[in-house]
Amino acid sequence: MNLGSAEEELLAPLPNIYFGGAYALQENLIFYYGGGWMSLTYGDYDGELYFARGTLEYWPFDHVGLGVGCAYTQADIEYVTNNKKERYNLKMPGPMIYLAVGF
C-alpha cells in the first residue's frame, strides 16, 4: 500500500540572543559562564527557549580537565488549533560534573 509522500522545507532566521565568557582565575582554573534565549513560531506552534550555565574547570594535566557547574534550561511551547490549546512548560535545572579533553 502506497500512502504517498510529502516534503517540507523551512529556512528562516531565528531570533536569538546569546552571551558568554570565560575568566581564568589561575593558569589551570577557569570559570565559564553563558546564557541565552531563542524564539520560534512555526505553523500552529509558538515557543521560547531560555538557558544559562556556569562552570568551573580545573586542568591538572595538559590535555585533561575536570569540571563542575550548574545549568538551567526552560522551554515554553504553545500549540493552538481551531478547537484546542495546549501549553507545555519544561524546566531542567541542575548540577553537572564532567571530564574535559583538549588537544
Protein backbone atom coordinates (compact mmCIF):
# COMPACT_ATOMS: atom_id res chain seq x y z
CA MET A 1 0.00 0.00 0.00
CA ASN A 2 1.40 3.38 -1.02
CA LEU A 3 0.47 6.24 1.34
CA GLY A 4 2.16 8.87 -0.83
CA SER A 5 4.96 11.25 0.05
CA ALA A 6 5.36 14.75 1.41
CA GLU A 7 8.15 17.27 1.57
CA GLU A 8 8.51 20.49 3.53
CA GLU A 9 11.33 22.97 3.90
CA LEU A 10 11.86 25.83 6.34
CA LEU A 11 14.59 28.41 6.01
CA ALA A 12 14.14 31.39 8.30
CA PRO A 13 16.21 33.43 10.71
CA LEU A 14 15.59 32.53 14.33
CA PRO A 15 15.54 35.44 16.75
CA ASN A 16 18.06 34.67 19.47
CA ILE A 17 20.37 36.27 22.00
CA TYR A 18 23.48 34.65 23.48
CA PHE A 19 26.11 35.86 25.90
CA GLY A 20 29.07 34.06 27.34
CA GLY A 21 32.61 34.33 28.50
CA ALA A 22 35.45 32.87 30.48
CA TYR A 23 37.69 34.11 33.24
CA ALA A 24 40.97 32.43 34.20
CA LEU A 25 41.24 32.51 37.99
CA GLN A 26 44.63 30.79 37.74
CA GLU A 27 46.53 29.23 34.85
CA ASN A 28 44.73 25.88 35.30
CA LEU A 29 41.42 27.06 36.86
CA ILE A 30 38.84 28.63 34.53
CA PHE A 31 35.33 29.94 35.18
CA TYR A 32 32.94 29.74 32.18
CA TYR A 33 29.50 31.37 32.01
CA GLY A 34 26.84 31.77 29.39
CA GLY A 35 23.15 32.05 28.68
CA GLY A 36 20.64 32.99 26.10
CA TRP A 37 17.19 32.99 24.60
CA MET A 38 15.68 31.74 21.34
CA SER A 39 12.17 32.06 19.90
CA LEU A 40 10.42 30.20 17.08
CA THR A 41 6.94 30.24 15.56
CA TYR A 42 6.10 27.50 13.07
CA GLY A 43 2.60 26.62 11.92
CA ASP A 44 0.40 26.09 14.99
CA TYR A 45 3.42 26.06 17.35
CA ASP A 46 4.93 29.00 19.20
CA GLY A 47 7.77 28.66 21.65
CA GLU A 48 10.72 30.09 23.50
CA LEU A 49 13.87 28.54 24.95
CA TYR A 50 15.92 30.03 27.80
CA PHE A 51 19.23 28.63 29.02
CA ALA A 52 22.03 29.54 31.42
CA ARG A 53 25.18 27.77 32.57
CA GLY A 54 28.13 28.39 34.84
CA THR A 55 31.06 26.00 35.27
CA LEU A 56 34.43 25.85 36.94
CA GLU A 57 37.12 23.78 35.20
CA TYR A 58 40.34 22.55 36.77
CA TRP A 59 43.09 21.29 34.40
CA PRO A 60 45.55 19.21 36.47
CA PHE A 61 47.10 17.74 33.27
CA ASP A 62 47.99 19.28 29.89
CA HIS A 63 45.10 17.71 27.96
CA VAL A 64 42.61 16.57 30.64
CA GLY A 65 40.44 18.67 32.93
CA LEU A 66 37.60 18.22 35.38
CA GLY A 67 34.56 20.45 35.59
CA VAL A 68 31.66 21.17 37.92
CA GLY A 69 28.82 23.57 37.43
CA CYS A 70 25.16 24.30 37.22
CA ALA A 71 22.87 24.51 34.19
CA TYR A 72 19.31 25.74 33.71
CA THR A 73 17.10 25.19 30.66
CA GLN A 74 13.48 26.24 30.23
CA ALA A 75 11.23 25.67 27.22
CA ASP A 76 7.77 27.26 26.90
CA ILE A 77 5.77 25.85 23.99
CA GLU A 78 2.21 26.63 22.94
CA TYR A 79 0.16 24.70 20.36
CA VAL A 80 -3.08 26.31 19.17
CA THR A 81 -5.58 24.91 16.66
CA ASN A 82 -9.19 25.84 15.93
CA ASN A 83 -10.66 23.85 18.80
CA LYS A 84 -7.89 23.33 21.36
CA LYS A 85 -4.94 25.00 23.05
CA GLU A 86 -2.03 23.16 24.67
CA ARG A 87 0.79 24.66 26.75
CA TYR A 88 4.00 22.95 27.75
CA ASN A 89 6.43 24.39 30.28
CA LEU A 90 9.59 22.34 30.74
CA LYS A 91 12.28 23.28 33.28
CA MET A 92 15.55 21.40 33.70
CA PRO A 93 17.78 22.88 36.42
CA GLY A 94 20.61 21.02 37.99
CA PRO A 95 24.24 20.43 38.80
CA MET A 96 26.74 18.77 36.49
CA ILE A 97 30.13 17.09 36.73
CA TYR A 98 32.18 16.38 33.60
CA LEU A 99 35.53 15.44 32.13
CA ALA A 100 37.11 17.79 29.54
CA VAL A 101 39.69 16.68 26.97
CA GLY A 102 41.61 19.19 24.88
CA PHE A 103 44.23 18.98 22.14
